Every structure is written in structure tokens, then in C-alpha cells.
Amino acid sequence: MPIDLLEPFTVPFVQRAVIGGMLLSAVSALVGVWVIVRGMTFLGEAMSHGMLPGVAIAAMLGGSLVLGAAVSALVMALGVNALRKTRRFGQDTGIGLLFVGMLSIGVILVSHSQSFATDLTAFLFGDVLAIRAADLWLLALALAFVAVVSVPLHRPFLALSFDPRKAQTLGLRPDLANVAMLVLLTITIAVSFHVVGTLLSFGMLIAPSAGALLVARRIPVVMAVAFAIGSFSTVVGVLVSWYAGTAAGASIAATAVATFFALAAAVHVAERRAEHRPLTGAHS
């Protein structure tokens, strides 16, 4: 009997998982492109891992895990922003130190409490199939906020990405734009925690946007393509999880990364063919 590939999408919790993954893809597309263009990839990775202490503390206190993740990621971002002003070492050194420090605190908190024994996998890798209606509303609210902030700040973000000094000359207030970008990055990482966990949230933030930058150049088009890649990864990842019995969050993130490498290979082949096309014509 042939397998009906669409059968999982008739299940309510799978429907919520797909909708949640698509909402997260939209948020990540709006922020992830700027993270790559601005060279903030290492910071994004550090923040995605640095939110573990906030998640652990929130769980111990019985509070909101997403709020704990947001606070922890924001502390990380503010710490990096403060350390970048020093001239004694580069910004990447400060990021590395805070990354290791925050992650160490998180691991200590998790290992100290026996109550985390069954929850650790969900903390680290997420549980997209456990998304509730309230989580979807939270993701939708995050998407609305990120979109409302991103639209008027598009020009300052663009100027800040290519020439901060010129942005200052044009009166675009690059320092304020930088803080706004850190806030948006914090929100994105925090809301992605429940979908793909602390360790995989960075993959959904970067992989679709990196893949989109391979095939598009204009920022709005790149964001649209990144959303398409993220949504595709969500659908395929959920299907793989359903039929192969794998972790859904990890399957989604792995699909996003695999899609990036597939696009990179396709672009490379296309460029090689374009290089050799004139030579073939010359010989004929």
C-alpha cells in the first residue's frame, strides 16, 4: 500500500509544528540576513548557546523559558557590546569569553539539578512537535514586532552593514541601529529556542539566509528566499521526523543546512559552466 506523504499534516500537533516552523522561518529571515551581511555570525552562535543559563534558571523558578532565554541572550549581547569598546583585544575575544562563561554556567546549573534529567534534550534540541497554540501566538507576536522595527530601520541597517562611518555622516545613528539589531537578534534566538532548542537555533537563523545569499542580491529578495528555504526545511524536516523517527527540531535544522550545501553546489556548477561556455564557442 503506497505511503500517503501528506498524512502527517492531518495531525493537529504536526500542523502546529509546521506553522510554528514557518513563523520562525519568517522571523529568522528578517534578522539572519543582517547577521550574515554585518559579519555577526560568531555573535549569533554565541548568543544561541549563551541563553542556556537563563533557560535553566527560568525552569528552576517555574517561569517562562522563552523569557529566560531572552534575558540570558540579552545579557550576552550587552556584554559583547560593552567589551567591543576596549582596545586591549578584538571583539571576537570578548565574544569567545562570554560564550564559554555563559555556557559553563548553564551546564553547571543543569548538572546541579536532578529535575533537568528528562528535560535536557528538549532544552538543547527543542521539541517542535510540542508547540501549543500559545506558542504560535508568541511567534506571531515576535514576527510582527521584528517586521515593524525592521521596515523603518532598513536604511540604517543597510548603511551600518557596509560603512558605519558613512552612516554616522548621513545622520543614521549607527549606535542606535546596532542596539536595535542586537534586540532583534535576541528576540529571534529566544523564540527559536522552543522550536529547535538552544544548540540548533543558530542553524535556523543562519542556514536559510546563507543559502538565499547564494542566489539573490537585493536584501528584500534575499529575505523572501530565506523564508522559502526555512519553510521548505520545516516541511521536509517534519516529514523526515515522522517517517524516520528522528528528532523533529534536529531534522528541520539539518534540512536547512543540507539545502544550503545543495544550493552552494548548484551555484558552483552553474558558475563553472558559465566560465567554460565562451571557450566552447571559440573552438566551434
Protein backbone atom coordinates (compact mmCIF):
# COMPACT_ATOMS: atom_id res chain seq x y z
CA MET A 1 0.00 0.00 0.00
CA PRO A 2 1.55 3.35 -1.03
CA ILE A 3 2.52 5.78 1.71
CA ASP A 4 0.49 8.98 1.83
CA LEU A 5 3.17 11.64 2.39
CA LEU A 6 0.57 14.20 3.42
CA GLU A 7 -0.89 12.02 6.17
CA PRO A 8 1.20 13.63 8.98
CA PHE A 9 -0.23 17.05 8.15
CA THR A 10 -3.71 15.88 9.17
CA VAL A 11 -2.49 15.52 12.77
CA PRO A 12 -3.12 18.69 14.86
CA PHE A 13 0.25 18.75 16.66
CA VAL A 14 2.08 18.33 13.33
CA GLN A 15 0.06 21.21 11.87
CA ARG A 16 1.10 23.39 14.80
CA ALA A 17 4.72 22.32 14.32
CA VAL A 18 4.70 23.30 10.65
CA ILE A 19 3.01 26.65 11.31
CA GLY A 20 5.47 27.33 14.14
CA GLY A 21 8.43 26.44 11.94
CA MET A 22 7.20 28.74 9.18
CA LEU A 23 6.67 31.63 11.61
CA LEU A 24 10.18 31.08 12.93
CA SER A 25 11.48 30.98 9.34
CA ALA A 26 9.94 34.39 8.71
CA VAL A 27 11.46 35.90 11.86
CA SER A 28 14.85 34.34 11.12
CA ALA A 29 14.79 35.58 7.53
CA LEU A 30 14.26 39.19 8.63
CA VAL A 31 17.17 39.04 11.08
CA GLY A 32 19.51 36.34 9.77
CA VAL A 33 20.34 38.21 6.56
CA TRP A 34 21.61 41.21 8.53
CA VAL A 35 23.58 38.93 10.86
CA ILE A 36 25.49 37.49 7.88
CA VAL A 37 25.91 40.76 5.99
CA ARG A 38 27.20 42.51 9.11
CA GLY A 39 29.61 39.70 9.99
CA MET A 40 27.80 38.94 13.28
CA THR A 41 27.71 35.18 12.73
CA PHE A 42 30.00 34.34 15.65
CA LEU A 43 27.98 36.62 17.92
CA GLY A 44 24.76 34.90 16.86
CA GLU A 45 26.23 31.50 17.59
CA ALA A 46 27.50 32.63 20.98
CA MET A 47 24.09 34.10 21.91
CA SER A 48 22.27 30.93 20.87
CA HIS A 49 24.44 28.91 23.27
CA GLY A 50 24.64 31.64 25.90
CA MET A 51 20.90 31.57 26.58
CA LEU A 52 21.18 28.21 28.38
CA PRO A 53 21.70 29.78 31.87
CA GLY A 54 18.53 31.87 31.50
CA VAL A 55 16.55 28.81 30.39
CA ALA A 56 17.88 26.77 33.32
CA ILE A 57 17.13 29.49 35.90
CA ALA A 58 13.64 30.05 34.48
CA ALA A 59 12.92 26.32 34.69
CA MET A 60 14.14 26.16 38.30
CA LEU A 61 11.95 29.11 39.26
CA GLY A 62 8.95 27.85 37.31
CA GLY A 63 8.93 30.85 34.99
CA SER A 64 8.75 31.32 31.23
CA LEU A 65 11.58 29.51 29.45
CA VAL A 66 11.37 31.86 26.47
CA LEU A 67 11.65 34.90 28.74
CA GLY A 68 14.63 33.31 30.50
CA ALA A 69 16.27 32.65 27.14
CA ALA A 70 15.65 36.25 26.07
CA VAL A 71 17.14 37.72 29.25
CA SER A 72 20.20 35.49 29.05
CA ALA A 73 20.77 36.27 25.36
CA LEU A 74 20.31 39.99 26.01
CA VAL A 75 22.88 39.91 28.83
CA MET A 76 25.25 38.20 26.42
CA ALA A 77 24.62 40.84 23.74
CA LEU A 78 25.08 43.76 26.15
CA GLY A 79 28.28 42.22 27.47
CA VAL A 80 29.69 41.88 23.96
CA ASN A 81 28.61 45.43 23.14
CA ALA A 82 30.45 46.71 26.21
CA LEU A 83 33.61 44.69 25.56
CA ARG A 84 33.87 45.82 21.92
CA LYS A 85 34.77 49.32 23.14
CA THR A 86 38.01 48.15 24.71
CA ARG A 87 41.20 48.32 22.68
CA ARG A 88 43.09 45.64 24.57
CA PHE A 89 41.72 42.80 22.45
CA GLY A 90 39.44 42.17 19.50
CA GLN A 91 35.67 41.80 19.68
CA ASP A 92 35.86 38.09 18.86
CA THR A 93 37.89 37.54 22.05
CA GLY A 94 35.16 39.10 24.18
CA ILE A 95 32.51 37.04 22.40
CA GLY A 96 34.51 33.85 22.94
CA LEU A 97 34.99 34.55 26.65
CA LEU A 98 31.33 35.35 27.25
CA PHE A 99 30.29 32.37 25.14
CA VAL A 100 32.32 29.92 27.23
CA GLY A 101 31.38 31.63 30.50
CA MET A 102 27.62 31.64 29.86
CA LEU A 103 27.61 28.10 28.50
CA SER A 104 29.61 26.88 31.51
CA ILE A 105 27.14 28.48 33.93
CA GLY A 106 24.27 26.86 32.06
CA VAL A 107 25.87 23.41 32.17
CA ILE A 108 26.62 23.80 35.90
CA LEU A 109 23.01 24.74 36.63
CA VAL A 110 21.67 21.87 34.54
CA SER A 111 24.02 19.30 36.07
CA HIS A 112 23.30 20.52 39.61
CA SER A 113 19.56 19.89 39.42
CA GLN A 114 18.16 16.38 39.08
CA SER A 115 14.92 17.81 37.67
CA PHE A 116 16.66 18.52 34.37
CA ALA A 117 17.38 14.86 33.67
CA THR A 118 14.33 14.40 31.44
CA ASP A 119 14.15 17.96 30.13
CA LEU A 120 17.75 18.40 28.99
CA THR A 121 17.15 17.03 25.49
CA ALA A 122 14.22 19.42 24.98
CA PHE A 123 16.30 22.34 26.28
CA LEU A 124 19.19 21.61 23.94
CA PHE A 125 17.36 20.41 20.84
CA GLY A 126 13.83 21.76 21.23
CA ASP A 127 10.51 19.97 20.84
CA VAL A 128 8.76 21.43 17.83
CA LEU A 129 6.06 18.75 17.98
CA ALA A 130 5.06 20.03 21.44
CA ILE A 131 4.25 23.55 20.23
CA ARG A 132 0.97 24.82 21.64
CA ALA A 133 -1.42 27.44 20.33
CA ALA A 134 0.03 29.92 22.83
CA ASP A 135 3.49 29.34 21.38
CA LEU A 136 2.18 30.12 17.90
CA TRP A 137 0.77 33.41 19.15
CA LEU A 138 4.14 34.21 20.72
CA LEU A 139 5.92 33.50 17.43
CA ALA A 140 3.37 35.60 15.53
CA LEU A 141 3.84 38.47 18.00
CA ALA A 142 7.62 38.23 17.63
CA LEU A 143 7.29 38.27 13.85
CA ALA A 144 5.05 41.34 13.96
CA PHE A 145 7.45 43.19 16.27
CA VAL A 146 10.54 42.31 14.21
CA ALA A 147 8.79 43.34 10.99
CA VAL A 148 7.55 46.65 12.43
CA VAL A 149 11.03 47.52 13.68
CA SER A 150 12.91 46.26 10.61
CA VAL A 151 10.97 48.20 7.96
CA PRO A 152 11.79 51.75 9.15
CA LEU A 153 15.34 50.72 10.09
CA HIS A 154 16.10 49.09 6.73
CA ARG A 155 18.19 52.04 5.51
CA PRO A 156 20.18 52.44 8.77
CA PHE A 157 20.80 48.68 8.87
CA LEU A 158 21.98 48.73 5.26
CA ALA A 159 24.34 51.66 5.84
CA LEU A 160 25.62 50.14 9.07
CA SER A 161 26.39 46.87 7.28
CA PHE A 162 28.66 48.45 4.67
CA ASP A 163 30.08 51.67 6.14
CA PRO A 164 29.32 52.64 9.77
CA ARG A 165 31.28 55.90 9.44
CA LYS A 166 29.25 56.98 6.45
CA ALA A 167 26.09 56.04 8.29
CA GLN A 168 27.17 58.41 11.05
CA THR A 169 27.82 61.15 8.49
CA LEU A 170 24.36 60.66 6.99
CA GLY A 171 22.78 61.07 10.43
CA LEU A 172 21.53 57.48 10.57
CA ARG A 173 22.70 56.96 14.18
CA PRO A 174 24.64 53.69 13.75
CA ASP A 175 24.97 53.12 17.51
CA LEU A 176 21.18 53.12 17.91
CA ALA A 177 20.80 50.90 14.85
CA ASN A 178 23.35 48.47 16.31
CA VAL A 179 21.42 48.25 19.60
CA ALA A 180 18.17 47.71 17.68
CA MET A 181 19.78 44.90 15.70
CA LEU A 182 21.01 43.25 18.89
CA VAL A 183 17.49 43.43 20.33
CA LEU A 184 16.02 41.83 17.20
CA LEU A 185 18.69 39.13 17.29
CA THR A 186 17.89 38.47 20.96
CA ILE A 187 14.17 38.11 20.22
CA THR A 188 14.82 35.79 17.28
CA ILE A 189 17.10 33.49 19.25
CA ALA A 190 14.73 33.44 22.24
CA VAL A 191 11.62 32.46 20.26
CA SER A 192 13.56 29.88 18.25
CA PHE A 193 14.53 28.13 21.47
CA HIS A 194 11.21 26.28 21.85
CA VAL A 195 11.21 25.15 18.22
CA VAL A 196 14.76 23.84 17.73
CA GLY A 197 16.42 24.27 21.14
CA THR A 198 19.47 26.19 22.27
CA LEU A 199 22.01 24.25 20.20
CA LEU A 200 20.14 24.31 16.88
CA SER A 201 18.56 27.78 16.92
CA PHE A 202 21.66 29.20 15.27
CA GLY A 203 21.22 26.84 12.32
CA MET A 204 17.75 28.16 11.53
CA LEU A 205 18.99 31.72 11.90
CA ILE A 206 21.93 31.37 9.51
CA ALA A 207 21.45 28.45 7.09
CA PRO A 208 18.36 29.72 5.16
CA SER A 209 19.77 33.25 4.89
CA ALA A 210 23.18 31.99 3.79
CA GLY A 211 21.51 29.85 1.14
CA ALA A 212 19.42 32.79 -0.04
CA LEU A 213 22.52 34.98 -0.41
CA LEU A 214 23.86 32.45 -2.90
CA VAL A 215 21.00 33.05 -5.34
CA ALA A 216 19.88 36.64 -4.67
CA ARG A 217 21.47 40.03 -4.05
CA ARG A 218 18.79 42.58 -3.12
CA ILE A 219 18.09 42.37 0.62
CA PRO A 220 14.26 42.10 0.36
CA VAL A 221 14.59 39.32 -2.23
CA VAL A 222 17.19 37.53 -0.08
CA MET A 223 14.80 37.65 2.89
CA ALA A 224 11.95 36.22 0.80
CA VAL A 225 14.15 33.39 -0.47
CA ALA A 226 15.41 32.72 3.08
CA PHE A 227 11.81 32.42 4.26
CA ALA A 228 11.10 29.97 1.43
CA ILE A 229 14.14 27.86 2.34
CA GLY A 230 13.20 27.88 6.02
CA SER A 231 9.61 26.86 5.26
CA PHE A 232 10.79 24.10 2.92
CA SER A 233 13.17 22.85 5.61
CA THR A 234 10.34 22.83 8.14
CA VAL A 235 8.04 20.73 5.96
CA VAL A 236 10.76 18.29 4.89
CA GLY A 237 12.21 18.08 8.41
CA VAL A 238 8.81 17.26 9.92
CA LEU A 239 8.22 14.57 7.28
CA VAL A 240 11.63 13.03 7.91
CA SER A 241 10.96 13.07 11.64
CA TRP A 242 7.56 11.45 11.20
CA TYR A 243 8.68 8.58 8.98
CA ALA A 244 12.25 8.06 10.24
CA GLY A 245 11.52 8.57 13.93
CA THR A 246 14.18 11.27 14.30
CA ALA A 247 14.12 14.42 16.44
CA ALA A 248 11.94 16.96 14.62
CA GLY A 249 13.94 20.07 15.54
CA ALA A 250 17.23 18.49 14.52
CA SER A 251 15.67 17.21 11.29
CA ILE A 252 14.49 20.71 10.40
CA ALA A 253 17.87 22.30 11.15
CA ALA A 254 19.72 19.54 9.26
CA THR A 255 17.48 20.03 6.23
CA ALA A 256 18.21 23.77 6.27
CA VAL A 257 21.96 23.15 6.34
CA ALA A 258 21.70 20.45 3.66
CA THR A 259 19.71 22.85 1.47
CA PHE A 260 22.48 25.43 1.81
CA PHE A 261 25.13 22.98 0.63
CA ALA A 262 22.90 21.78 -2.23
CA LEU A 263 22.44 25.39 -3.38
CA ALA A 264 26.18 26.06 -3.00
CA ALA A 265 26.98 23.04 -5.17
CA ALA A 266 24.40 24.05 -7.79
CA VAL A 267 25.72 27.62 -7.93
CA HIS A 268 29.29 26.34 -8.23
CA VAL A 269 28.37 24.06 -11.13
CA ALA A 270 26.46 26.87 -12.86
CA GLU A 271 29.41 29.24 -12.50
CA ARG A 272 31.86 26.66 -13.87
CA ARG A 273 29.62 26.07 -16.87
CA ALA A 274 29.33 29.81 -17.46
CA GLU A 275 33.14 30.12 -17.37
CA HIS A 276 33.63 27.41 -19.98
CA ARG A 277 30.80 28.44 -22.30
CA PRO A 278 32.78 31.15 -24.18
CA LEU A 279 35.73 28.78 -24.61
CA THR A 280 33.48 26.15 -26.18
CA GLY A 281 32.08 28.72 -28.59
CA ALA A 282 35.57 29.85 -29.60
CA HIS A 283 36.63 26.32 -30.59
CA SER A 284 33.46 25.70 -32.62
